[in-house]
Amino acid sequence: MNTEDVLIVGGGPVGLFMGICLHHHGIPCTIIEQRTETVKESRSLGIHPVSLELFEKLGIVDEFLKSGINVEKGIAHNGTKEIGSIDFKSCPTPYQYILINPQFETERILRDRFLNLNPDSLINGAEVIGLEEEFGCVSLTIKKEGKEHTLEAGYVIGCDGKSSFVRKAAGIGFRGKRYPDSYIMGDFEDSTSYGSDAVVYLTKEGLVECFPLPNQKRRWVVKTSDYISEPTPELIAQLIKDRVSKEVDPASNSMVSGFGVSHFIADHFVKDRILLAGDAAHVVSPIGGQGMNLGWLDAWHLANVMSFCRGISKDLPIADLFVYEAKQRPIAKKVTRRAAFNMSLGKKTILHPFRTALVKAMLKKPFHDKMAKLFTMRGLEEVGF
């Protein structure tokens, strides 16, 4: 490889999209991924309008639209009755909805497109075990099928998640905290009459929310008092029944998990020839479903900056790459605040009537359009919340 090439560590949704963006700008890259297959679970679901606009620019939006479900309305419920709704049709055209697409489908689409563009540029089943910066390049040591190999390139982009090897090997700090909040979630056959609507129940015992999935299924998320590492479908079904009087069939469950939440941000997104994107750079609460989309915004902006710098010099001016960090760090902090706000609405509280009244007011004019904007990731580059 040479100093015009880029190595991307991590072939999940952000790493694959990073590769597509770099190819779009004519920058050679190779992705190194430890897994040999895409995820089989649904995991991350929500694809926001800002991401769909990027997909359109790259010519891949139609594949996503064929695969996912359009959520054009979000309903707020206090556990007893509906208290308001957000209609995303007030958002800018053409993507006046949040697209729901299971992560395994998202990865499949991005992987297929990247391989179509770069047939020999995805190294699967390779673990990165060493990273060294040398004069004019970065050297990576990878282990594949029991053998070690060394790759050199001009730049390395860490898209390898919150436990990023790249970030740690580069000596970049990761600051933040874990929230006391915890949740359990599961995918079940859809026994509701909500169709393609999403529903958020703000009960006095804590949040319950549900989203439509392809194949007549629905994702349920339930706030818990304590972290539960191995929840059962029966437990989730019972909590849903107790809090919102909805019946789900435990036997129809296809995925269940428990999770805590946290927020962290790297001390640097750029350090010499090492760059970070996605969860390697920042972790936000998944409540609100904006983390994966934030990673795609990272990738898009980083590729744009690298393309601009490459137009000045084949060997990218390192100082100019800090434009990427200057742009994305404030956006990451804003998404973190919005996610924390989403969590605060779903906490267990004795002030349940007050919260109901507050949310009801927030979903009416003149606040309705502002809330639609917040929940679809609009206005991230504007000053304020």
Protein backbone atom coordinates (compact mmCIF):
# COMPACT_ATOMS: atom_id res chain seq x y z
CA MET A 1 0.00 0.00 0.00
CA ASN A 2 1.10 3.63 -0.20
CA THR A 3 0.52 6.98 1.45
CA GLU A 4 -2.60 7.63 -0.60
CA ASP A 5 -4.28 4.54 0.85
CA VAL A 6 -6.44 4.29 3.96
CA LEU A 7 -6.95 1.30 6.25
CA ILE A 8 -10.34 1.14 8.01
CA VAL A 9 -10.45 -1.05 11.10
CA GLY A 10 -13.98 -2.35 11.65
CA GLY A 11 -16.45 -3.56 9.04
CA GLY A 12 -19.74 -2.83 10.80
CA PRO A 13 -22.27 -0.28 9.53
CA VAL A 14 -19.96 2.70 10.12
CA GLY A 15 -16.79 1.10 8.73
CA LEU A 16 -18.57 -0.12 5.59
CA PHE A 17 -20.18 3.27 5.03
CA MET A 18 -16.79 4.91 5.59
CA GLY A 19 -15.36 2.75 2.82
CA ILE A 20 -18.19 3.65 0.44
CA CYS A 21 -17.72 7.36 1.16
CA LEU A 22 -13.97 7.19 0.52
CA HIS A 23 -14.54 5.32 -2.75
CA HIS A 24 -17.03 8.03 -3.73
CA HIS A 25 -14.16 10.52 -3.47
CA GLY A 26 -11.65 8.29 -5.24
CA ILE A 27 -9.59 7.52 -2.13
CA PRO A 28 -8.27 3.91 -2.07
CA CYS A 29 -9.12 2.03 1.13
CA THR A 30 -9.20 -1.43 2.64
CA ILE A 31 -11.47 -2.58 5.48
CA ILE A 32 -10.21 -5.01 8.12
CA GLU A 33 -12.97 -6.88 9.98
CA GLN A 34 -12.57 -9.46 12.71
CA ARG A 35 -15.89 -11.19 11.99
CA THR A 36 -16.40 -13.50 9.03
CA GLU A 37 -20.15 -12.87 8.77
CA THR A 38 -22.54 -9.96 9.30
CA VAL A 39 -24.58 -9.84 12.50
CA LYS A 40 -27.61 -12.11 12.62
CA GLU A 41 -29.53 -10.05 15.20
CA SER A 42 -31.73 -7.04 14.53
CA ARG A 43 -29.76 -4.73 16.92
CA SER A 44 -29.78 -1.09 15.71
CA LEU A 45 -32.96 -0.24 13.80
CA GLY A 46 -33.61 3.45 13.17
CA ILE A 47 -32.27 5.17 10.05
CA HIS A 48 -32.96 8.89 10.24
CA PRO A 49 -33.69 11.29 7.35
CA VAL A 50 -30.22 12.84 7.55
CA SER A 51 -28.75 9.40 6.81
CA LEU A 52 -31.23 8.67 4.03
CA GLU A 53 -30.13 11.90 2.36
CA LEU A 54 -26.52 10.68 2.45
CA PHE A 55 -27.56 7.28 1.07
CA GLU A 56 -29.29 9.06 -1.79
CA LYS A 57 -26.11 10.95 -2.68
CA LEU A 58 -24.26 7.63 -2.80
CA GLY A 59 -26.93 5.87 -4.86
CA ILE A 60 -27.93 3.28 -2.23
CA VAL A 61 -31.12 4.73 -0.73
CA ASP A 62 -33.50 2.66 -2.89
CA GLU A 63 -32.11 -0.59 -1.50
CA PHE A 64 -32.83 0.61 2.03
CA LEU A 65 -36.32 1.81 1.19
CA LYS A 66 -37.18 -1.60 -0.29
CA SER A 67 -35.95 -3.35 2.85
CA GLY A 68 -37.32 -1.19 5.68
CA ILE A 69 -40.55 0.16 7.17
CA ASN A 70 -41.41 3.88 7.16
CA VAL A 71 -42.42 5.22 10.57
CA GLU A 72 -44.28 8.45 9.82
CA LYS A 73 -45.82 8.89 13.25
CA GLY A 74 -44.79 8.49 16.86
CA ILE A 75 -47.46 8.16 19.53
CA ALA A 76 -46.97 9.19 23.18
CA HIS A 77 -49.00 7.29 25.77
CA ASN A 78 -49.02 7.53 29.56
CA GLY A 79 -49.95 3.88 30.09
CA THR A 80 -53.64 4.67 30.36
CA LYS A 81 -54.40 6.82 27.35
CA GLU A 82 -52.79 8.47 24.36
CA ILE A 83 -51.51 11.95 25.22
CA GLY A 84 -50.21 13.15 21.86
CA SER A 85 -48.23 12.29 18.77
CA ILE A 86 -45.49 13.49 16.46
CA ASP A 87 -46.24 13.48 12.75
CA PHE A 88 -42.96 13.43 10.84
CA LYS A 89 -44.73 14.76 7.75
CA SER A 90 -43.92 18.20 9.12
CA CYS A 91 -40.26 17.44 8.37
CA PRO A 92 -38.52 18.41 5.10
CA THR A 93 -39.23 16.29 2.04
CA PRO A 94 -38.65 13.70 0.73
CA TYR A 95 -37.80 11.64 3.82
CA GLN A 96 -40.59 12.54 6.22
CA TYR A 97 -40.17 9.43 8.31
CA ILE A 98 -37.70 7.30 10.24
CA LEU A 99 -36.84 4.10 8.37
CA ILE A 100 -36.80 0.94 10.47
CA ASN A 101 -34.36 -1.63 9.16
CA PRO A 102 -32.74 -4.45 11.19
CA GLN A 103 -28.98 -4.14 11.47
CA PHE A 104 -28.31 -7.40 9.64
CA GLU A 105 -30.11 -5.97 6.60
CA THR A 106 -28.31 -2.65 6.93
CA GLU A 107 -24.95 -4.40 7.04
CA ARG A 108 -25.85 -6.64 4.11
CA ILE A 109 -26.75 -3.68 1.90
CA LEU A 110 -23.62 -1.71 2.82
CA ARG A 111 -21.36 -4.76 2.53
CA ASP A 112 -22.72 -5.71 -0.89
CA ARG A 113 -22.25 -2.15 -2.16
CA PHE A 114 -18.71 -1.86 -0.82
CA LEU A 115 -17.70 -5.20 -2.36
CA ASN A 116 -19.31 -4.21 -5.63
CA LEU A 117 -17.13 -1.10 -5.65
CA ASN A 118 -14.01 -2.72 -4.14
CA PRO A 119 -14.12 -6.52 -4.71
CA ASP A 120 -10.76 -7.25 -3.06
CA SER A 121 -10.71 -4.60 -0.34
CA LEU A 122 -12.47 -6.32 2.57
CA ILE A 123 -10.33 -8.56 4.76
CA ASN A 124 -12.58 -10.71 6.95
CA GLY A 125 -11.56 -12.85 9.91
CA ALA A 126 -8.58 -10.62 10.68
CA GLU A 127 -7.76 -9.36 14.17
CA VAL A 128 -5.66 -6.21 14.52
CA ILE A 129 -3.01 -6.91 17.14
CA GLY A 130 -0.52 -4.09 16.60
CA LEU A 131 -0.38 -0.47 15.47
CA GLU A 132 2.67 1.72 15.00
CA GLU A 133 3.08 5.15 13.46
CA GLU A 134 6.14 5.52 11.31
CA PHE A 135 7.45 8.40 9.23
CA GLY A 136 4.83 9.06 6.57
CA CYS A 137 2.67 6.01 7.27
CA VAL A 138 0.94 3.76 9.80
CA SER A 139 1.82 0.10 10.21
CA LEU A 140 -0.84 -2.42 11.29
CA THR A 141 -0.16 -5.98 12.37
CA ILE A 142 -3.09 -8.32 11.78
CA LYS A 143 -3.62 -11.96 12.65
CA LYS A 144 -5.57 -14.07 10.17
CA GLU A 145 -5.91 -17.85 10.21
CA GLY A 146 -3.14 -18.09 12.79
CA LYS A 147 -0.61 -16.09 10.76
CA GLU A 148 0.57 -12.54 11.31
CA HIS A 149 0.75 -10.00 8.50
CA THR A 150 1.84 -6.38 8.34
CA LEU A 151 0.01 -3.71 6.35
CA GLU A 152 1.13 -0.13 5.85
CA ALA A 153 -0.94 2.82 4.70
CA GLY A 154 -0.99 6.57 4.91
CA TYR A 155 -3.86 6.70 7.40
CA VAL A 156 -5.83 4.40 9.69
CA ILE A 157 -9.46 5.07 10.59
CA GLY A 158 -10.77 3.33 13.70
CA CYS A 159 -14.40 2.29 13.21
CA ASP A 160 -14.00 -0.59 15.64
CA GLY A 161 -16.56 0.29 18.28
CA LYS A 162 -16.58 1.50 21.85
CA SER A 163 -13.75 -0.86 22.89
CA SER A 164 -11.67 0.34 19.93
CA PHE A 165 -8.23 -1.24 19.63
CA VAL A 166 -7.15 1.62 17.37
CA ARG A 167 -8.09 4.26 19.94
CA LYS A 168 -6.33 2.42 22.76
CA ALA A 169 -3.21 1.67 20.71
CA ALA A 170 -2.98 5.33 19.74
CA GLY A 171 -3.12 6.32 23.41
CA ILE A 172 -6.27 8.40 23.00
CA GLY A 173 -8.30 8.87 26.18
CA PHE A 174 -12.01 8.08 26.37
CA ARG A 175 -13.94 10.13 28.91
CA GLY A 176 -17.51 9.86 30.10
CA LYS A 177 -19.66 7.86 32.46
CA ARG A 178 -22.23 5.13 32.77
CA TYR A 179 -25.79 6.16 33.48
CA PRO A 180 -27.68 4.40 36.29
CA ASP A 181 -30.43 3.52 33.78
CA SER A 182 -30.94 0.01 32.40
CA TYR A 183 -33.31 -1.61 29.92
CA ILE A 184 -34.40 -4.93 28.49
CA MET A 185 -35.68 -5.46 24.98
CA GLY A 186 -37.09 -8.15 22.73
CA ASP A 187 -38.58 -8.74 19.29
CA PHE A 188 -42.01 -10.38 19.16
CA GLU A 189 -44.80 -11.00 16.71
CA ASP A 190 -46.86 -7.83 16.43
CA SER A 191 -50.12 -8.31 18.34
CA THR A 192 -50.99 -4.58 18.34
CA SER A 193 -53.09 -2.50 15.96
CA TYR A 194 -50.41 0.20 15.62
CA GLY A 195 -49.30 -0.82 12.12
CA SER A 196 -46.24 1.24 11.13
CA ASP A 197 -46.54 3.69 14.05
CA ALA A 198 -44.01 3.80 16.88
CA VAL A 199 -45.36 4.11 20.42
CA VAL A 200 -43.64 5.47 23.53
CA TYR A 201 -45.38 4.70 26.84
CA LEU A 202 -44.32 7.03 29.64
CA THR A 203 -45.70 5.13 32.61
CA LYS A 204 -45.11 5.93 36.26
CA GLU A 205 -43.10 2.69 36.53
CA GLY A 206 -40.85 3.71 33.63
CA LEU A 207 -40.53 3.67 29.88
CA VAL A 208 -42.04 1.10 27.54
CA GLU A 209 -41.63 1.66 23.82
CA CYS A 210 -42.29 -0.36 20.70
CA PHE A 211 -41.38 -0.07 17.03
CA PRO A 212 -42.55 -1.99 13.97
CA LEU A 213 -40.21 -4.49 12.35
CA PRO A 214 -40.41 -6.22 8.97
CA ASN A 215 -42.30 -9.54 8.78
CA GLN A 216 -45.06 -8.46 11.18
CA LYS A 217 -42.82 -8.19 14.24
CA ARG A 218 -42.36 -5.45 16.81
CA ARG A 219 -39.43 -4.40 19.00
CA TRP A 220 -40.31 -3.76 22.67
CA VAL A 221 -37.98 -1.87 25.05
CA VAL A 222 -38.71 -1.72 28.80
CA LYS A 223 -37.00 0.42 31.47
CA THR A 224 -35.90 -1.63 34.49
CA SER A 225 -34.92 -0.63 38.01
CA ASP A 226 -31.79 -2.80 37.90
CA TYR A 227 -29.56 -4.20 35.19
CA ILE A 228 -30.71 -7.64 34.02
CA SER A 229 -28.02 -9.44 32.05
CA GLU A 230 -30.14 -12.36 30.89
CA PRO A 231 -33.81 -11.36 30.65
CA THR A 232 -36.39 -13.86 29.44
CA PRO A 233 -39.19 -13.32 26.91
CA GLU A 234 -41.64 -14.14 29.70
CA LEU A 235 -40.29 -11.34 31.90
CA ILE A 236 -40.57 -8.77 29.11
CA ALA A 237 -44.09 -9.94 28.26
CA GLN A 238 -45.15 -9.68 31.90
CA LEU A 239 -43.74 -6.17 32.35
CA ILE A 240 -45.48 -5.02 29.17
CA LYS A 241 -48.77 -6.44 30.39
CA ASP A 242 -48.39 -4.93 33.86
CA ARG A 243 -47.48 -1.43 32.65
CA VAL A 244 -49.45 -0.93 29.45
CA SER A 245 -51.97 -3.83 29.38
CA LYS A 246 -50.65 -5.19 26.07
CA GLU A 247 -50.31 -8.91 25.41
CA VAL A 248 -47.26 -10.26 23.62
CA ASP A 249 -46.57 -13.94 23.03
CA PRO A 250 -43.27 -15.05 24.62
CA ALA A 251 -43.18 -18.02 22.24
CA SER A 252 -42.93 -15.62 19.28
CA ASN A 253 -39.74 -14.01 20.58
CA SER A 254 -36.76 -13.92 18.20
CA MET A 255 -34.32 -11.76 20.19
CA VAL A 256 -33.95 -10.68 23.79
CA SER A 257 -31.25 -8.75 25.63
CA GLY A 258 -30.54 -6.45 28.55
CA PHE A 259 -28.36 -3.38 28.38
CA GLY A 260 -27.04 -0.47 30.37
CA VAL A 261 -26.32 2.94 28.88
CA SER A 262 -23.39 5.32 28.94
CA HIS A 263 -21.82 8.26 27.19
CA PHE A 264 -18.15 8.62 26.32
CA ILE A 265 -16.16 10.79 23.94
CA ALA A 266 -12.57 10.45 22.78
CA ASP A 267 -10.05 13.12 23.75
CA HIS A 268 -9.16 13.37 20.08
CA PHE A 269 -10.86 12.24 16.88
CA VAL A 270 -7.61 12.93 15.00
CA LYS A 271 -4.12 12.11 16.24
CA ASP A 272 -1.43 12.40 13.60
CA ARG A 273 -2.35 9.69 11.06
CA ILE A 274 -4.95 8.00 13.27
CA LEU A 275 -8.61 9.00 12.91
CA LEU A 276 -11.71 7.81 14.77
CA ALA A 277 -15.35 7.55 13.72
CA GLY A 278 -18.54 6.06 15.15
CA ASP A 279 -18.48 4.43 18.58
CA ALA A 280 -14.68 4.47 18.55
CA ALA A 281 -14.96 8.27 18.80
CA HIS A 282 -18.11 8.64 20.89
CA VAL A 283 -20.73 6.50 22.61
CA VAL A 284 -24.24 7.85 23.20
CA SER A 285 -27.30 6.30 24.80
CA PRO A 286 -29.22 4.11 22.33
CA ILE A 287 -32.53 5.53 23.57
CA GLY A 288 -33.59 7.58 20.58
CA GLY A 289 -31.65 5.44 18.11
CA GLN A 290 -29.16 8.07 16.96
CA GLY A 291 -25.76 6.47 17.60
CA MET A 292 -25.36 4.58 14.31
CA ASN A 293 -26.58 7.60 12.35
CA LEU A 294 -24.07 9.80 14.15
CA GLY A 295 -21.34 7.42 13.00
CA TRP A 296 -22.51 7.77 9.40
CA LEU A 297 -22.36 11.56 9.71
CA ASP A 298 -18.77 11.16 10.97
CA ALA A 299 -17.89 9.04 7.94
CA TRP A 300 -19.46 11.43 5.45
CA HIS A 301 -17.78 14.52 6.88
CA LEU A 302 -14.41 12.81 7.33
CA ALA A 303 -14.42 11.58 3.72
CA ASN A 304 -15.28 15.09 2.52
CA VAL A 305 -12.40 16.60 4.50
CA MET A 306 -9.96 13.94 3.30
CA SER A 307 -11.04 14.51 -0.29
CA PHE A 308 -10.57 18.27 0.05
CA CYS A 309 -7.15 17.84 1.63
CA ARG A 310 -6.14 15.30 -1.01
CA GLY A 311 -6.94 17.89 -3.65
CA ILE A 312 -4.25 20.07 -2.09
CA SER A 313 -1.66 17.34 -1.56
CA LYS A 314 -1.50 13.62 -2.29
CA ASP A 315 -0.09 13.18 1.19
CA LEU A 316 -2.96 14.66 3.20
CA PRO A 317 -1.99 17.67 5.34
CA ILE A 318 -2.52 16.32 8.85
CA ALA A 319 -3.30 19.74 10.33
CA ASP A 320 -6.21 20.20 7.92
CA LEU A 321 -7.82 16.95 9.12
CA PHE A 322 -8.63 18.63 12.43
CA VAL A 323 -11.44 20.39 10.57
CA TYR A 324 -13.24 17.02 10.88
CA GLU A 325 -12.90 16.95 14.65
CA ALA A 326 -13.89 20.60 14.98
CA LYS A 327 -17.09 19.85 13.08
CA GLN A 328 -18.07 16.49 14.59
CA ARG A 329 -17.22 16.95 18.27
CA PRO A 330 -19.98 19.57 18.87
CA ILE A 331 -22.44 17.39 16.93
CA ALA A 332 -21.56 14.35 19.07
CA LYS A 333 -22.09 16.38 22.24
CA LYS A 334 -25.45 17.61 20.99
CA VAL A 335 -26.60 14.07 20.18
CA THR A 336 -25.47 13.04 23.68
CA ARG A 337 -27.64 15.76 25.23
CA ARG A 338 -30.64 14.78 23.14
CA ALA A 339 -30.24 11.11 24.10
CA ALA A 340 -30.03 12.08 27.78
CA PHE A 341 -33.22 14.12 27.36
CA ASN A 342 -34.97 11.10 25.83
CA MET A 343 -33.93 8.96 28.78
CA SER A 344 -35.06 11.54 31.33
CA LEU A 345 -38.60 11.40 29.94
CA GLY A 346 -38.76 7.65 30.50
CA LYS A 347 -37.64 7.42 34.11
CA LYS A 348 -39.79 6.05 36.89
CA THR A 349 -41.30 9.02 38.70
CA ILE A 350 -43.83 10.05 41.32
CA LEU A 351 -44.45 13.16 39.20
CA HIS A 352 -46.22 11.14 36.55
CA PRO A 353 -49.20 13.54 36.13
CA PHE A 354 -46.83 16.50 35.75
CA ARG A 355 -44.76 14.66 33.12
CA THR A 356 -47.93 13.70 31.25
CA ALA A 357 -48.98 17.34 31.13
CA LEU A 358 -45.50 18.45 30.04
CA VAL A 359 -45.27 15.93 27.20
CA LYS A 360 -48.80 16.72 26.10
CA ALA A 361 -47.85 20.39 25.80
CA MET A 362 -44.60 19.58 23.99
CA LEU A 363 -46.48 17.70 21.29
CA LYS A 364 -48.78 20.60 20.47
CA LYS A 365 -48.16 23.74 18.44
CA PRO A 366 -45.84 25.62 18.49
CA PHE A 367 -43.54 22.91 19.92
CA HIS A 368 -44.66 20.00 17.73
CA ASP A 369 -42.41 20.78 14.76
CA LYS A 370 -39.44 21.38 17.05
CA MET A 371 -39.91 17.94 18.63
CA ALA A 372 -40.20 16.31 15.20
CA LYS A 373 -36.95 18.01 14.29
CA LEU A 374 -35.20 16.73 17.42
CA PHE A 375 -36.37 13.15 16.99
CA THR A 376 -35.25 13.03 13.34
CA MET A 377 -31.75 14.46 14.00
CA ARG A 378 -32.38 17.79 12.29
CA GLY A 379 -30.52 20.94 13.24
CA LEU A 380 -27.38 19.24 14.55
CA GLU A 381 -25.14 21.92 13.09
CA GLU A 382 -27.22 24.76 14.49
CA VAL A 383 -26.47 26.53 17.75
CA GLY A 384 -28.51 25.23 20.69
CA PHE A 385 -30.25 22.00 21.67
